[in-house]
């Protein structure tokens, strides 16, 4: 029984780690039609890159906070893309 629990835990950890490894860094992909949203997305990309640099400078020893900040930036990026899509769908 312990063996099965250990295998299950290992698989879950591998899936969680894999999800982090394949997380996509934000890129500027909102068209010029939405200049303010595109600019905001550019700032998100810059912030993400600065966090990457801070993690490298500190050997990834930032208490997990830098990674959490990057997750928030990824969510903000997704929201901006949804805002642009919504505007496009509603003729804005």
C-alpha atoms as a PDB file:
ATOM      1  CA  UNK A   1       0.000   0.000   0.000  1.00  0.00           C
ATOM      2  CA  UNK A   2       2.844   2.406   0.814  1.00  0.00           C
ATOM      3  CA  UNK A   3       4.422   1.613  -2.556  1.00  0.00           C
ATOM      4  CA  UNK A   4       1.256   2.624  -4.418  1.00  0.00           C
ATOM      5  CA  UNK A   5       0.976   5.877  -2.450  1.00  0.00           C
ATOM      6  CA  UNK A   6       4.617   6.680  -3.183  1.00  0.00           C
ATOM      7  CA  UNK A   7       4.123   6.112  -6.905  1.00  0.00           C
ATOM      8  CA  UNK A   8       0.984   8.246  -6.903  1.00  0.00           C
ATOM      9  CA  UNK A   9       2.816  11.063  -5.131  1.00  0.00           C
ATOM     10  CA  UNK A  10       5.710  10.848  -7.586  1.00  0.00           C
ATOM     11  CA  UNK A  11       3.367  11.011 -10.581  1.00  0.00           C
ATOM     12  CA  UNK A  12       1.519  14.008  -9.127  1.00  0.00           C
ATOM     13  CA  UNK A  13       4.796  15.805  -8.457  1.00  0.00           C
ATOM     14  CA  UNK A  14       6.010  15.100 -11.992  1.00  0.00           C
ATOM     15  CA  UNK A  15       2.778  16.465 -13.471  1.00  0.00           C
ATOM     16  CA  UNK A  16       2.943  19.590 -11.335  1.00  0.00           C
ATOM     17  CA  UNK A  17       6.598  20.160 -12.210  1.00  0.00           C
ATOM     18  CA  UNK A  18       5.891  19.551 -15.889  1.00  0.00           C
ATOM     19  CA  UNK A  19       3.114  22.123 -15.815  1.00  0.00           C
ATOM     20  CA  UNK A  20       5.519  24.712 -14.447  1.00  0.00           C
ATOM     21  CA  UNK A  21       8.150  23.846 -17.021  1.00  0.00           C
ATOM     22  CA  UNK A  22       5.742  24.264 -19.936  1.00  0.00           C
ATOM     23  CA  UNK A  23       4.189  27.513 -18.719  1.00  0.00           C
ATOM     24  CA  UNK A  24       4.365  30.028 -21.522  1.00  0.00           C
ATOM     25  CA  UNK A  25       6.042  33.366 -20.970  1.00  0.00           C
ATOM     26  CA  UNK A  26       3.860  36.269 -22.128  1.00  0.00           C
ATOM     27  CA  UNK A  27       4.561  37.725 -25.556  1.00  0.00           C
ATOM     28  CA  UNK A  28       3.149  40.814 -27.241  1.00  0.00           C
ATOM     29  CA  UNK A  29       0.514  39.458 -29.594  1.00  0.00           C
ATOM     30  CA  UNK A  30      -2.318  41.974 -29.343  1.00  0.00           C
ATOM     31  CA  UNK A  31      -2.673  43.853 -32.614  1.00  0.00           C
ATOM     32  CA  UNK A  32      -2.051  47.555 -33.121  1.00  0.00           C
ATOM     33  CA  UNK A  33      -5.823  48.149 -33.296  1.00  0.00           C
ATOM     34  CA  UNK A  34      -5.796  48.030 -29.494  1.00  0.00           C
ATOM     35  CA  UNK A  35      -2.813  50.280 -28.790  1.00  0.00           C
ATOM     36  CA  UNK A  36      -3.352  50.661 -25.043  1.00  0.00           C
ATOM     37  CA  UNK A  37      -3.899  46.942 -24.496  1.00  0.00           C
ATOM     38  CA  UNK A  38      -0.837  46.189 -26.637  1.00  0.00           C
ATOM     39  CA  UNK A  39       1.257  48.639 -24.592  1.00  0.00           C
ATOM     40  CA  UNK A  40       0.035  47.096 -21.335  1.00  0.00           C
ATOM     41  CA  UNK A  41       0.927  43.668 -22.676  1.00  0.00           C
ATOM     42  CA  UNK A  42       4.406  44.968 -23.518  1.00  0.00           C
ATOM     43  CA  UNK A  43       4.872  46.083 -19.919  1.00  0.00           C
ATOM     44  CA  UNK A  44       3.821  42.632 -18.726  1.00  0.00           C
ATOM     45  CA  UNK A  45       6.459  41.068 -20.986  1.00  0.00           C
ATOM     46  CA  UNK A  46       9.106  43.457 -19.619  1.00  0.00           C
ATOM     47  CA  UNK A  47       8.127  42.727 -16.010  1.00  0.00           C
ATOM     48  CA  UNK A  48       8.240  38.981 -16.672  1.00  0.00           C
ATOM     49  CA  UNK A  49      11.734  39.305 -18.146  1.00  0.00           C
ATOM     50  CA  UNK A  50      12.920  41.358 -15.166  1.00  0.00           C
ATOM     51  CA  UNK A  51      11.601  38.707 -12.783  1.00  0.00           C
ATOM     52  CA  UNK A  52      13.482  36.051 -14.788  1.00  0.00           C
ATOM     53  CA  UNK A  53      16.652  38.123 -14.387  1.00  0.00           C
ATOM     54  CA  UNK A  54      16.036  38.561 -10.647  1.00  0.00           C
ATOM     55  CA  UNK A  55      15.544  34.818 -10.257  1.00  0.00           C
ATOM     56  CA  UNK A  56      18.802  34.146 -12.094  1.00  0.00           C
ATOM     57  CA  UNK A  57      20.676  36.754 -10.029  1.00  0.00           C
ATOM     58  CA  UNK A  58      19.351  35.232  -6.810  1.00  0.00           C
ATOM     59  CA  UNK A  59      19.748  31.586  -7.856  1.00  0.00           C
ATOM     60  CA  UNK A  60      15.954  31.089  -7.688  1.00  0.00           C
ATOM     61  CA  UNK A  61      16.027  31.733  -3.936  1.00  0.00           C
ATOM     62  CA  UNK A  62      13.230  34.270  -3.597  1.00  0.00           C
ATOM     63  CA  UNK A  63      10.882  32.219  -1.467  1.00  0.00           C
ATOM     64  CA  UNK A  64       8.609  31.318  -4.357  1.00  0.00           C
ATOM     65  CA  UNK A  65       7.342  34.896  -4.527  1.00  0.00           C
ATOM     66  CA  UNK A  66       8.920  35.677  -7.891  1.00  0.00           C
ATOM     67  CA  UNK A  67       7.308  32.588  -9.386  1.00  0.00           C
ATOM     68  CA  UNK A  68       3.952  33.624  -7.947  1.00  0.00           C
ATOM     69  CA  UNK A  69       4.368  37.105  -9.445  1.00  0.00           C
ATOM     70  CA  UNK A  70       5.045  35.512 -12.829  1.00  0.00           C
ATOM     71  CA  UNK A  71       1.830  33.486 -12.492  1.00  0.00           C
ATOM     72  CA  UNK A  72      -0.094  36.720 -11.871  1.00  0.00           C
ATOM     73  CA  UNK A  73       1.521  38.297 -14.930  1.00  0.00           C
ATOM     74  CA  UNK A  74       0.502  35.282 -17.027  1.00  0.00           C
ATOM     75  CA  UNK A  75      -3.084  35.712 -15.792  1.00  0.00           C
ATOM     76  CA  UNK A  76      -3.010  39.452 -16.522  1.00  0.00           C
ATOM     77  CA  UNK A  77      -1.713  38.706 -20.019  1.00  0.00           C
ATOM     78  CA  UNK A  78      -4.571  36.281 -20.621  1.00  0.00           C
ATOM     79  CA  UNK A  79      -7.095  38.879 -19.421  1.00  0.00           C
ATOM     80  CA  UNK A  80      -5.691  41.491 -21.814  1.00  0.00           C
ATOM     81  CA  UNK A  81      -5.963  39.052 -24.715  1.00  0.00           C
ATOM     82  CA  UNK A  82      -9.568  38.347 -23.721  1.00  0.00           C
ATOM     83  CA  UNK A  83     -10.289  42.086 -23.556  1.00  0.00           C
ATOM     84  CA  UNK A  84      -8.941  42.563 -27.087  1.00  0.00           C
ATOM     85  CA  UNK A  85     -10.953  39.588 -28.341  1.00  0.00           C
ATOM     86  CA  UNK A  86     -14.092  40.931 -26.686  1.00  0.00           C
ATOM     87  CA  UNK A  87     -13.584  44.343 -28.276  1.00  0.00           C
ATOM     88  CA  UNK A  88     -13.032  42.716 -31.665  1.00  0.00           C
ATOM     89  CA  UNK A  89     -16.194  40.626 -31.323  1.00  0.00           C
ATOM     90  CA  UNK A  90     -18.237  43.705 -30.431  1.00  0.00           C
ATOM     91  CA  UNK A  91     -16.950  45.902 -33.256  1.00  0.00           C
ATOM     92  CA  UNK A  92     -14.754  48.121 -31.157  1.00  0.00           C
END
